[in-house]
Amino acid sequence: MFDFATPIDRHGTWCTQWDYVADRFGAADLLPFTISDMDFATAPCILDAVSQRLAHGVFGYSRWQNEAFLGAIAHWYA
């Protein structure tokens, strides 16, 4: 199970959600519920998948109608 309980402080990272509250709303002490940004780390399985794709080194267009993709979607909704 992934840790969704440990928050990540995004202040000072050019984060629109946290660093520009005053610019948008005129006060810096507001809670910004207008952006659906994630305040937790990326799951290790996602980091691994992205790392594998980066290591491949080719970033052209791929077809989505393949068994690997469709099987993952079917598994997700099962």
N, C-alpha and C. Protein backbone atom coordinates (compact mmCIF):
# COMPACT_ATOMS: atom_id res chain seq x y z
N MET A 1 0.85 -1.18 0.00
CA MET A 1 0.00 0.00 0.00
C MET A 1 0.89 1.24 0.00
N PHE A 2 0.47 2.25 -0.72
CA PHE A 2 1.25 3.48 -0.83
C PHE A 2 0.92 4.42 0.32
N ASP A 3 1.89 5.20 0.71
CA ASP A 3 1.75 6.15 1.82
C ASP A 3 1.11 7.46 1.33
N PHE A 4 -0.18 7.60 1.57
CA PHE A 4 -0.88 8.84 1.23
C PHE A 4 -0.99 9.76 2.44
N ALA A 5 -0.41 9.37 3.56
CA ALA A 5 -0.55 10.14 4.80
C ALA A 5 0.57 11.16 5.01
N THR A 6 1.71 10.98 4.35
CA THR A 6 2.84 11.88 4.53
C THR A 6 2.78 13.00 3.50
N PRO A 7 2.46 14.22 3.93
CA PRO A 7 2.37 15.33 2.97
C PRO A 7 3.75 15.79 2.50
N ILE A 8 3.79 16.34 1.32
CA ILE A 8 5.00 16.92 0.74
C ILE A 8 4.82 18.43 0.74
N ASP A 9 5.77 19.16 1.30
CA ASP A 9 5.69 20.62 1.32
C ASP A 9 6.18 21.15 -0.03
N ARG A 10 5.28 21.70 -0.81
CA ARG A 10 5.62 22.19 -2.15
C ARG A 10 5.92 23.68 -2.16
N HIS A 11 5.88 24.33 -1.01
CA HIS A 11 6.21 25.76 -0.96
C HIS A 11 7.63 25.99 -1.47
N GLY A 12 7.81 27.05 -2.26
CA GLY A 12 9.13 27.39 -2.77
C GLY A 12 9.59 26.56 -3.95
N THR A 13 8.67 25.85 -4.61
CA THR A 13 9.03 25.00 -5.75
C THR A 13 8.35 25.47 -7.04
N TRP A 14 7.93 26.74 -7.07
CA TRP A 14 7.20 27.31 -8.20
C TRP A 14 5.84 26.64 -8.37
N CYS A 15 5.33 26.10 -7.29
CA CYS A 15 4.05 25.39 -7.30
C CYS A 15 2.89 26.38 -7.38
N THR A 16 2.11 26.30 -8.44
CA THR A 16 0.97 27.21 -8.61
C THR A 16 0.01 27.11 -7.44
N GLN A 17 -0.21 25.91 -6.95
CA GLN A 17 -1.17 25.71 -5.87
C GLN A 17 -0.78 26.45 -4.60
N TRP A 18 0.50 26.45 -4.25
CA TRP A 18 0.92 27.00 -2.96
C TRP A 18 1.69 28.32 -3.05
N ASP A 19 2.47 28.52 -4.09
CA ASP A 19 3.33 29.70 -4.15
C ASP A 19 2.68 30.94 -4.74
N TYR A 20 1.50 30.80 -5.32
CA TYR A 20 0.87 31.94 -5.98
C TYR A 20 -0.55 32.20 -5.49
N VAL A 21 -0.83 31.85 -4.25
CA VAL A 21 -2.16 32.07 -3.68
C VAL A 21 -2.47 33.56 -3.63
N ALA A 22 -1.53 34.36 -3.15
CA ALA A 22 -1.77 35.81 -3.03
C ALA A 22 -1.96 36.45 -4.40
N ASP A 23 -1.22 35.99 -5.41
CA ASP A 23 -1.38 36.53 -6.76
C ASP A 23 -2.80 36.34 -7.28
N ARG A 24 -3.38 35.20 -6.96
CA ARG A 24 -4.70 34.87 -7.49
C ARG A 24 -5.85 35.37 -6.63
N PHE A 25 -5.64 35.39 -5.30
CA PHE A 25 -6.76 35.67 -4.40
C PHE A 25 -6.56 36.89 -3.51
N GLY A 26 -5.38 37.52 -3.57
CA GLY A 26 -5.15 38.73 -2.81
C GLY A 26 -4.74 38.52 -1.37
N ALA A 27 -4.62 37.29 -0.93
CA ALA A 27 -4.18 36.97 0.44
C ALA A 27 -3.39 35.68 0.40
N ALA A 28 -2.31 35.62 1.16
CA ALA A 28 -1.43 34.45 1.13
C ALA A 28 -1.82 33.37 2.14
N ASP A 29 -2.72 33.69 3.06
CA ASP A 29 -3.05 32.74 4.13
C ASP A 29 -4.31 31.92 3.83
N LEU A 30 -4.62 31.71 2.57
CA LEU A 30 -5.78 30.93 2.17
C LEU A 30 -5.37 29.51 1.80
N LEU A 31 -6.30 28.58 1.91
CA LEU A 31 -6.07 27.21 1.45
C LEU A 31 -6.55 27.12 0.00
N PRO A 32 -5.67 26.79 -0.92
CA PRO A 32 -6.03 26.78 -2.34
C PRO A 32 -6.70 25.47 -2.76
N PHE A 33 -8.00 25.46 -2.80
CA PHE A 33 -8.73 24.26 -3.22
C PHE A 33 -9.14 24.34 -4.69
N THR A 34 -8.48 25.20 -5.47
CA THR A 34 -8.87 25.41 -6.86
C THR A 34 -8.07 24.57 -7.84
N ILE A 35 -6.97 23.98 -7.41
CA ILE A 35 -6.12 23.19 -8.29
C ILE A 35 -6.04 21.77 -7.74
N SER A 36 -6.24 20.80 -8.60
CA SER A 36 -6.21 19.40 -8.15
C SER A 36 -4.79 18.85 -8.25
N ASP A 37 -3.86 19.53 -7.60
CA ASP A 37 -2.47 19.10 -7.58
C ASP A 37 -2.28 18.10 -6.44
N MET A 38 -1.30 17.23 -6.57
CA MET A 38 -1.06 16.22 -5.55
C MET A 38 -0.02 16.71 -4.56
N ASP A 39 -0.32 16.55 -3.29
CA ASP A 39 0.61 16.93 -2.23
C ASP A 39 1.19 15.69 -1.57
N PHE A 40 1.43 14.66 -2.36
CA PHE A 40 2.11 13.47 -1.86
C PHE A 40 3.06 12.99 -2.95
N ALA A 41 4.01 12.19 -2.55
CA ALA A 41 5.04 11.72 -3.48
C ALA A 41 4.43 10.80 -4.54
N THR A 42 5.14 10.65 -5.63
CA THR A 42 4.71 9.73 -6.67
C THR A 42 5.01 8.30 -6.23
N ALA A 43 4.09 7.40 -6.49
CA ALA A 43 4.24 6.00 -6.09
C ALA A 43 5.47 5.38 -6.76
N PRO A 44 6.21 4.54 -6.05
CA PRO A 44 7.41 3.92 -6.61
C PRO A 44 7.16 3.17 -7.92
N CYS A 45 6.02 2.51 -8.06
CA CYS A 45 5.75 1.77 -9.30
C CYS A 45 5.64 2.72 -10.49
N ILE A 46 5.13 3.94 -10.27
CA ILE A 46 5.04 4.93 -11.35
C ILE A 46 6.44 5.45 -11.68
N LEU A 47 7.24 5.73 -10.65
CA LEU A 47 8.62 6.17 -10.89
C LEU A 47 9.40 5.12 -11.66
N ASP A 48 9.20 3.84 -11.32
CA ASP A 48 9.89 2.76 -12.02
C ASP A 48 9.48 2.71 -13.49
N ALA A 49 8.17 2.83 -13.76
CA ALA A 49 7.69 2.78 -15.14
C ALA A 49 8.23 3.95 -15.96
N VAL A 50 8.25 5.13 -15.37
CA VAL A 50 8.79 6.30 -16.08
C VAL A 50 10.29 6.13 -16.31
N SER A 51 11.00 5.61 -15.32
CA SER A 51 12.45 5.38 -15.47
C SER A 51 12.74 4.39 -16.59
N GLN A 52 11.94 3.33 -16.67
CA GLN A 52 12.13 2.35 -17.74
C GLN A 52 11.91 2.98 -19.11
N ARG A 53 10.89 3.82 -19.20
CA ARG A 53 10.61 4.48 -20.48
C ARG A 53 11.74 5.46 -20.84
N LEU A 54 12.24 6.19 -19.85
CA LEU A 54 13.35 7.11 -20.09
C LEU A 54 14.59 6.36 -20.55
N ALA A 55 14.85 5.20 -19.96
CA ALA A 55 16.02 4.42 -20.33
C ALA A 55 15.92 3.91 -21.78
N HIS A 56 14.72 3.73 -22.27
CA HIS A 56 14.51 3.28 -23.65
C HIS A 56 15.05 4.31 -24.63
N GLY A 57 14.85 5.60 -24.31
CA GLY A 57 15.45 6.67 -25.09
C GLY A 57 14.69 7.13 -26.33
N VAL A 58 13.58 6.48 -26.66
CA VAL A 58 12.79 6.88 -27.82
C VAL A 58 11.42 7.34 -27.31
N PHE A 59 11.00 8.53 -27.75
CA PHE A 59 9.77 9.11 -27.22
C PHE A 59 8.78 9.47 -28.32
N GLY A 60 8.71 8.66 -29.34
CA GLY A 60 7.78 8.90 -30.44
C GLY A 60 6.35 8.54 -30.04
N TYR A 61 5.46 8.73 -30.99
CA TYR A 61 4.05 8.41 -30.75
C TYR A 61 3.85 6.91 -30.71
N SER A 62 3.01 6.46 -29.78
CA SER A 62 2.70 5.04 -29.64
C SER A 62 1.20 4.84 -29.79
N ARG A 63 0.82 3.71 -30.31
CA ARG A 63 -0.60 3.38 -30.40
C ARG A 63 -1.09 2.87 -29.05
N TRP A 64 -2.27 3.30 -28.69
CA TRP A 64 -2.82 2.89 -27.41
C TRP A 64 -3.66 1.62 -27.54
N GLN A 65 -4.00 1.20 -28.74
CA GLN A 65 -4.83 0.00 -28.91
C GLN A 65 -3.94 -1.24 -28.95
N ASN A 66 -3.33 -1.53 -27.82
CA ASN A 66 -2.51 -2.74 -27.74
C ASN A 66 -2.89 -3.49 -26.47
N GLU A 67 -2.56 -4.75 -26.43
CA GLU A 67 -3.00 -5.61 -25.33
C GLU A 67 -2.43 -5.17 -23.98
N ALA A 68 -1.20 -4.69 -23.95
CA ALA A 68 -0.61 -4.26 -22.67
C ALA A 68 -1.41 -3.11 -22.08
N PHE A 69 -1.74 -2.12 -22.89
CA PHE A 69 -2.49 -0.97 -22.41
C PHE A 69 -3.92 -1.36 -22.06
N LEU A 70 -4.61 -2.02 -22.98
CA LEU A 70 -6.00 -2.38 -22.75
C LEU A 70 -6.14 -3.34 -21.58
N GLY A 71 -5.17 -4.25 -21.42
CA GLY A 71 -5.20 -5.17 -20.28
C GLY A 71 -5.03 -4.45 -18.96
N ALA A 72 -4.16 -3.44 -18.93
CA ALA A 72 -3.97 -2.66 -17.70
C ALA A 72 -5.24 -1.91 -17.34
N ILE A 73 -5.92 -1.33 -18.32
CA ILE A 73 -7.18 -0.62 -18.07
C ILE A 73 -8.24 -1.59 -17.57
N ALA A 74 -8.37 -2.74 -18.22
CA ALA A 74 -9.36 -3.74 -17.80
C ALA A 74 -9.08 -4.21 -16.38
N HIS A 75 -7.80 -4.43 -16.06
CA HIS A 75 -7.43 -4.86 -14.71
C HIS A 75 -7.77 -3.79 -13.68
N TRP A 76 -7.55 -2.52 -14.02
CA TRP A 76 -7.84 -1.41 -13.11
C TRP A 76 -9.32 -1.38 -12.75
N TYR A 77 -10.18 -1.59 -13.73
CA TYR A 77 -11.62 -1.50 -13.49
C TYR A 77 -12.24 -2.81 -13.01
N ALA A 78 -11.46 -3.87 -12.95
CA ALA A 78 -12.00 -5.17 -12.51
C ALA A 78 -12.22 -5.22 -11.01
